[in-house]
Amino acid sequence: MARIIAVANQKGGVGKTTTAVNLAAALAAAKRKVLLVDLDPQGNATMASGINKREIGHSGCEVLLEEVEIAAAIVSTEGHYDLLPGNGDLTAAELKLMDALAREHRLKEQLAKISANYHTILIDCPPSLNLLTLNALTAADGVLIPVQCEYFALEGLSSLLETVKAVRQRLNPALQVEGLLRTMYDVRNNLGNEVSAQLTQHFGDKVLRSIIPRNVRLAEAPSHGQPIHLYDRSSRGAIAYIGLAGEVIRRERRMSPSERPAPLASIDPPVHGGSGVALKAPAANHQE
C-alpha cells in the first residue's frame, strides 16, 4: 500500500505546490512509483506537470463526485509520475459534496482503489481549510508542511497544527506530521536564519534537514510545465529536492511500529496570546 502524504499549509505562497510537484518528480527519479493528486482548484500542480488544466479529459472533480473511476482520470507526465489533475471544477465538487454522507472520506475511498499501484501518493492541498483540504487530511498518513523562513509566514502554523489534531480526533486517528520543510531560504538573510533556528528549537526533529533555497531556476520551471530536475538538473533547487526525496525515503524505511512519529501533543508549539507560535520578534537591525 502507498504511503499518502498531504502537502499542506493554510497560508499561500510558501512553496506548497512547488514542493508537491518537485518532490513527486524527485521520488520518481529514485525509481519510486508516484501519484500526485492536484486538489487545488487553481490547478497549478497540473500546469507545472506539463498538463493543460483546460484540456484534461477527466479531473479530480469527477472522481470525488463518483462520476468516473479514478483510474480513468489519472494521466502520465513527462516527470515520470502519474497525476490526478485538478482545475476550477474542484470548487463545484466541494459545493456539491456539502450535503453528501461521509463527505470528508470521498478522496480516501477513491485512493484506496489504486493505492496498491504506488509507493507514494502526494496530495497538493488548497491554501485554505475547506472540504477539499479535509478530504486530503482524512486520506493521508502524514502531512508535510512547507514553511517559508519569514516571520509572518509562521502565523498560520499553529492553527494548521490545531487542524491536524482536530482531524486526528474526528476523522483520521493515524494522521501524523511528516515534517516541517523550510522553503525559499536565503542564507544571506539574517531573519531567515533566525526563524530557521527557532523552528528547530521549538519542533526538534520534526524540522526536516532538507532546506529549499530561493532559486530563480526553480521559479522559472512551472512556466515551462516541467519539474526542476527536467528544466535544470544542475540547479540548486533541483539538488535540494533530490535531497528531500532521499530524506523522505530514509524516514519511511526507518519507520516501524515502535518508531512512529511522535503524537501531536508532543510537538505543539509554544503559543503567544493563544494564537500563534511564540517566536521572538526580529531585531531591528537585521538586513538581508
Foldseek 3Di string as FASTA:
>chain_A
DAAEEEAAALDPDLCSLLLQLLLQLLLVVVVFAEEEEELAQQQLNVLLQVHDLVDAPDAVLCQLVVVDQQVVQWDAGPSGYIYRTHHNSSVVSQVVLPPPPPSLQSLLVRCVVCRVVGHYYYYRAYSRDGSSVSNSLLNHLEYEYRAELADVSQQRVLVVLVVSVVCCVPRHVNYYHQAYEYEQADPLFPSSVQSVVVCCVQQPPSHDPQHAHNFPLSVCSSVVSYRSCVSPVPTSRNVSSNVVSVSSVVLVVPDDPVDDDDDSVVRNADDDPPRGHPGDDDDPPTDD
